[in-house]
Protein backbone atom coordinates (compact mmCIF):
# COMPACT_ATOMS: atom_id res chain seq x y z
CA MET A 1 100.67 83.04 73.72
CA ARG A 2 96.79 83.81 74.37
CA TYR A 3 97.25 85.92 77.90
CA LEU A 4 99.36 88.11 75.89
CA GLU A 5 96.86 89.21 74.01
CA GLY A 6 95.17 92.63 74.76
CA LEU A 7 98.58 93.85 76.09
CA ASN A 8 100.24 96.91 74.78
CA ASP A 9 104.10 97.03 73.72
CA ALA A 10 105.33 98.14 76.68
CA GLN A 11 103.01 95.85 78.99
CA LYS A 12 104.24 92.78 76.96
CA ARG A 13 108.10 93.67 77.39
CA ALA A 14 107.29 93.87 81.03
CA VAL A 15 105.92 90.39 81.34
CA GLN A 16 108.53 88.88 78.80
CA ALA A 17 111.37 90.38 80.40
CA SER A 18 111.76 87.48 82.44
CA ASP A 19 115.68 87.40 83.86
CA GLY A 20 117.49 90.24 85.45
CA PRO A 21 116.55 93.58 87.65
CA ILE A 22 113.61 95.34 86.07
CA SER A 23 112.03 98.68 86.95
CA VAL A 24 108.56 99.37 85.67
CA LEU A 25 107.65 102.98 85.68
CA ALA A 26 103.57 102.85 85.63
CA GLY A 27 101.15 105.57 86.64
CA ALA A 28 97.84 105.48 87.94
CA GLY A 29 95.67 103.24 85.35
CA SER A 30 98.34 102.06 83.35
CA GLY A 31 97.59 98.37 83.90
CA LYS A 32 100.42 97.69 86.14
CA THR A 33 98.78 95.10 88.36
CA ARG A 34 97.80 93.05 85.27
CA VAL A 35 101.26 93.25 84.03
CA LEU A 36 102.40 91.95 87.62
CA THR A 37 100.03 89.15 87.81
CA THR A 38 100.54 88.11 83.86
CA ARG A 39 104.46 88.30 84.29
CA ILE A 40 104.16 86.02 87.19
CA TYR A 41 101.98 83.60 84.91
CA HIS A 42 104.49 83.78 82.44
CA LEU A 43 107.18 82.70 84.49
CA VAL A 44 105.22 79.63 85.72
CA ARG A 45 104.29 78.73 81.91
CA THR A 46 108.14 78.98 80.96
CA GLY A 47 109.26 76.52 83.58
CA VAL A 48 109.71 78.37 86.87
CA PRO A 49 108.40 76.65 89.43
CA ALA A 50 105.80 78.84 91.51
CA GLY A 51 107.36 77.90 94.76
CA GLU A 52 110.37 80.25 93.52
CA ILE A 53 108.19 83.25 92.96
CA LEU A 54 107.81 86.16 95.06
CA ALA A 55 105.55 89.15 95.11
CA VAL A 56 105.23 92.06 97.60
CA THR A 57 102.75 94.63 97.74
CA PHE A 58 102.03 97.36 100.73
CA THR A 59 97.98 96.45 101.67
CA ASN A 60 96.46 93.06 102.60
CA LYS A 61 93.78 94.01 100.33
CA ALA A 62 96.14 94.27 97.21
CA ALA A 63 97.94 91.07 98.24
CA ARG A 64 94.63 89.39 98.29
CA GLU A 65 93.53 90.67 94.98
CA MET A 66 96.86 89.81 93.43
CA ARG A 67 96.97 86.16 94.96
CA GLU A 68 93.39 85.36 93.71
CA ARG A 69 94.33 86.95 90.38
CA VAL A 70 97.28 84.60 90.02
CA ARG A 71 95.41 81.64 91.17
CA ALA A 72 92.48 82.36 88.58
CA MET A 73 94.96 82.29 85.97
CA LEU A 74 96.86 79.46 86.77
CA GLY A 75 93.68 77.42 87.70
CA ASN A 76 93.02 75.83 91.05
CA ASP A 77 95.54 72.73 90.62
CA GLY A 78 98.81 73.17 91.57
CA PRO A 79 101.01 75.52 94.02
CA VAL A 80 100.54 79.26 93.64
CA PRO A 81 103.49 81.94 94.42
CA PHE A 82 104.00 83.41 97.89
CA VAL A 83 102.29 86.78 97.53
CA ALA A 84 102.17 89.05 100.73
CA THR A 85 102.77 92.35 102.46
CA PHE A 86 106.02 93.37 103.72
CA HIS A 87 105.02 92.42 107.01
CA GLY A 88 103.78 89.26 105.77
CA LEU A 89 107.16 88.55 104.20
CA GLY A 90 108.67 89.32 107.45
CA ARG A 91 106.77 86.68 109.38
CA GLU A 92 107.42 84.20 107.28
CA LEU A 93 111.23 84.76 107.18
CA LEU A 94 110.77 84.78 111.00
CA GLU A 95 108.75 81.99 111.45
CA SER A 96 110.85 79.57 109.38
CA TYR A 97 114.27 80.80 110.09
CA GLY A 98 114.27 83.38 113.46
CA LYS A 99 115.44 80.83 115.78
CA ALA A 100 118.83 81.84 114.65
CA ILE A 101 118.35 85.44 116.13
CA GLY A 102 116.22 83.94 119.10
CA ILE A 103 112.89 84.35 117.72
CA PRO A 104 110.38 81.83 119.17
CA ARG A 105 108.70 79.65 116.58
CA TYR A 106 105.42 80.89 117.44
CA PHE A 107 104.99 84.44 118.42
CA SER A 108 102.19 86.79 118.24
CA VAL A 109 102.16 90.30 116.76
CA TYR A 110 101.18 93.40 118.47
CA ASP A 111 99.15 95.81 117.00
CA ARG A 112 98.97 99.67 117.55
CA ASP A 113 96.46 99.62 120.01
CA ASP A 114 98.93 96.91 121.97
CA SER A 115 101.99 98.90 121.37
CA GLU A 116 100.27 101.83 122.62
CA LYS A 117 99.12 100.29 125.65
CA ALA A 118 102.60 98.52 126.42
CA ILE A 119 104.56 102.16 125.77
CA GLY A 120 101.34 103.52 128.35
CA ALA A 121 102.58 100.99 131.09
CA ALA A 122 106.44 102.21 130.41
CA LEU A 123 105.82 105.45 130.47
CA LYS A 124 103.75 105.11 133.79
CA ALA A 125 106.48 103.22 135.66
CA LEU A 126 108.80 106.16 134.70
CA ASP A 127 106.27 108.79 136.45
CA VAL A 128 105.61 110.28 132.87
CA GLU A 129 102.13 111.65 132.50
CA THR A 130 100.38 111.23 129.01
CA LYS A 131 99.42 114.53 128.63
CA GLU A 132 103.62 115.08 128.93
CA LEU A 133 104.07 112.94 126.40
CA SER A 134 101.79 110.67 125.01
CA PRO A 135 102.22 106.86 124.09
CA ARG A 136 101.34 107.69 120.47
CA ALA A 137 103.84 110.30 120.14
CA VAL A 138 106.55 107.65 121.69
CA LEU A 139 105.66 104.69 119.76
CA GLY A 140 106.07 107.31 116.79
CA ARG A 141 109.73 107.97 117.67
CA ILE A 142 110.51 104.39 118.23
CA SER A 143 109.05 103.44 114.91
CA ARG A 144 110.87 105.98 112.93
CA ALA A 145 114.01 104.75 114.81
CA LYS A 146 113.33 101.01 114.16
CA GLY A 147 112.40 101.71 110.33
CA ALA A 148 116.06 103.41 110.11
CA GLY A 149 117.74 100.10 111.67
CA MET A 150 118.25 101.14 115.18
CA ARG A 151 117.85 99.04 118.39
CA ALA A 152 116.77 99.61 121.75
CA GLN A 153 120.10 99.94 123.42
CA GLU A 154 121.58 101.53 120.46
CA PHE A 155 118.78 104.34 120.69
CA TYR A 156 119.08 104.60 124.81
CA GLU A 157 123.23 105.32 124.27
CA LYS A 158 122.47 107.88 121.71
CA HIS A 159 119.47 109.67 123.32
CA ALA A 160 119.68 109.00 126.93
CA ARG A 161 121.22 112.77 127.62
CA SER A 162 119.24 114.12 124.89
CA SER A 163 115.97 116.26 124.73
CA PHE A 164 113.02 115.33 127.46
CA GLY A 165 111.10 113.64 124.64
CA ASN A 166 113.74 111.31 123.37
CA ARG A 167 115.44 110.30 126.75
CA ILE A 168 112.10 109.06 127.85
CA ALA A 169 111.42 107.27 124.65
CA ALA A 170 114.66 105.67 124.99
CA GLU A 171 113.73 104.23 128.58
CA ALA A 172 110.46 103.35 127.56
CA TRP A 173 111.71 101.47 124.70
CA LEU A 174 114.04 99.41 126.75
CA ARG A 175 110.91 98.64 128.85
CA TYR A 176 108.84 97.93 125.94
CA GLU A 177 111.29 95.34 124.48
CA LYS A 178 111.03 93.52 128.07
CA THR A 179 107.47 93.49 127.41
CA LEU A 180 107.50 91.92 124.20
CA ALA A 181 109.90 89.72 125.16
CA ALA A 182 108.03 88.70 128.17
CA GLU A 183 104.93 87.98 126.02
CA LYS A 184 106.81 86.21 123.23
CA ALA A 185 105.61 89.16 120.56
CA LEU A 186 106.86 91.42 118.31
CA ASP A 187 105.50 94.48 116.92
CA PHE A 188 104.79 95.26 112.96
CA ASP A 189 108.11 97.45 113.23
CA ASP A 190 109.87 93.91 114.30
CA LEU A 191 108.49 92.28 111.06
CA ILE A 192 110.99 94.23 108.90
CA ALA A 193 113.67 95.46 111.13
CA LEU A 194 114.13 91.75 112.55
CA PRO A 195 114.34 89.86 109.30
CA VAL A 196 116.81 92.24 108.02
CA ARG A 197 119.01 91.66 110.83
CA LEU A 198 118.53 87.97 110.41
CA LEU A 199 119.97 87.89 106.91
CA GLU A 200 122.51 90.46 107.29
CA GLU A 201 123.77 88.55 110.47
CA HIS A 202 123.42 84.85 108.92
CA ALA A 203 125.19 84.28 105.41
CA ASP A 204 123.69 80.74 105.39
CA ILE A 205 120.26 81.73 105.92
CA ARG A 206 120.49 84.84 103.26
CA ALA A 207 121.59 82.02 101.13
CA LEU A 208 118.60 79.70 101.64
CA ALA A 209 115.87 82.64 101.37
CA GLN A 210 117.87 83.99 98.03
CA ASP A 211 117.25 80.53 96.45
CA ARG A 212 114.12 79.99 98.06
CA TRP A 213 112.78 82.94 95.95
CA ARG A 214 114.71 83.45 92.53
CA TYR A 215 112.07 85.61 91.11
CA ILE A 216 111.27 88.91 93.55
CA HIS A 217 108.23 91.37 92.38
CA ILE A 218 107.64 94.46 94.36
CA ASP A 219 104.75 96.68 93.92
CA GLU A 220 104.68 100.85 94.70
CA TYR A 221 108.32 100.46 94.91
CA GLN A 222 108.35 104.19 95.76
CA ASP A 223 107.00 103.70 99.06
CA THR A 224 109.30 101.44 100.46
CA ASN A 225 111.50 102.85 103.28
CA GLU A 226 115.18 102.00 104.04
CA LEU A 227 115.06 98.75 105.97
CA GLN A 228 112.40 97.55 102.91
CA GLY A 229 115.14 98.23 100.25
CA ARG A 230 117.63 96.54 102.11
CA LEU A 231 115.62 93.51 102.44
CA ALA A 232 114.54 93.24 99.01
CA ASN A 233 118.02 93.94 97.67
CA MET A 234 119.45 91.01 100.16
CA LEU A 235 116.91 88.55 98.69
CA ALA A 236 117.84 89.44 95.32
CA ALA A 237 121.43 90.10 95.75
CA LYS A 238 122.45 86.17 94.26
CA HIS A 239 120.20 85.70 91.19
CA ARG A 240 119.29 89.44 90.51
CA ASN A 241 115.63 88.82 89.46
CA LEU A 242 114.45 91.64 90.98
CA PHE A 243 111.45 93.14 89.12
CA VAL A 244 109.81 96.21 90.82
CA VAL A 245 106.96 98.63 90.00
CA GLY A 246 106.79 102.25 91.08
CA ASP A 247 104.88 105.59 90.12
CA ILE A 248 107.47 108.24 91.02
CA ASP A 249 104.37 111.01 90.91
CA GLN A 250 102.79 109.25 93.94
CA THR A 251 104.54 108.48 97.32
CA ILE A 252 101.58 107.82 99.56
CA TYR A 253 103.26 106.75 102.91
CA THR A 254 106.09 109.21 103.25
CA TRP A 255 104.96 109.37 107.20
CA ARG A 256 106.46 105.85 107.46
CA GLY A 257 109.80 106.67 106.33
CA ALA A 258 109.31 105.85 102.93
CA THR A 259 112.16 106.90 100.51
CA ILE A 260 111.61 107.37 96.49
CA GLU A 261 115.37 107.29 96.01
CA ASN A 262 114.87 103.25 96.26
CA LEU A 263 113.17 103.66 92.77
CA LEU A 264 114.86 106.42 91.58
CA GLU A 265 118.27 105.12 92.29
CA PHE A 266 117.49 101.62 91.08
CA ASP A 267 119.74 101.84 87.81
CA LYS A 268 122.70 102.62 90.22
CA ALA A 269 122.25 99.49 92.49
CA TYR A 270 121.65 97.72 89.46
CA PRO A 271 123.42 98.92 86.29
CA GLU A 272 122.40 96.13 84.01
CA SER A 273 119.01 96.82 84.69
CA GLN A 274 116.06 97.30 82.19
CA THR A 275 113.82 100.53 82.52
CA ILE A 276 110.08 100.02 80.92
CA ILE A 277 107.65 102.92 81.07
CA LEU A 278 103.80 102.15 80.64
CA GLU A 279 102.57 105.50 79.26
CA ARG A 280 98.99 104.60 78.27
CA ASN A 281 96.18 105.33 80.36
CA TYR A 282 93.49 103.10 80.31
CA ARG A 283 90.98 104.85 82.71
């Protein structure tokens, strides 16, 4: 297999360990991107349909580069596995199956500026000056709550008699949800929270998604938050072919609620898992 040439022993083990849950601990310069792309190519070469392979990373740039690498290895003919960010994966799930929870087939996605403007309008309606509480601060509270799996009404019931900041955030969130619904829009946090809700509440759709992507790869697993971990585990629950790559010395998105426990406790969630360490640094 010429595509294995140039890989060290640990990299080859990671590429060829096709089935079951696998965690790869890889620091900077260890060739983890090459391992991921080569493993995807190996799966296709050994008979796995490209359409049954999913790869998830954190930035659009990283996803684009991985997609291009995989396409170059596979050649220009035939399908390419689905490679996306978590938000891109969430959007695909909602566009495909979101009708079950009331999501329209076609929806727009608010960026942070759109969200802050909508929150600003909600604060104005509540007679709250931005110097008292900024739209960005309120959006941050809402974003953290969504990242923990909370819904607007649940947050409101919890904080209706709480501190000024949380109470106003709760009331603003309810208004914000009405704005999103009227605009047939979602925000970035919805692209993770709603797919998790969709798969948790609808076993039939969960089964469809699990059979759609039988082999799942996640890069930078140490930077996943609680909801992203739940999403990954639900998708992998049936076939258990979950391949994660992480660096325990680097957590770059902690401000988004990342929890390194998803990586550190991988072997508890998957007792049958293999752990492969890429120790050699090529930089």
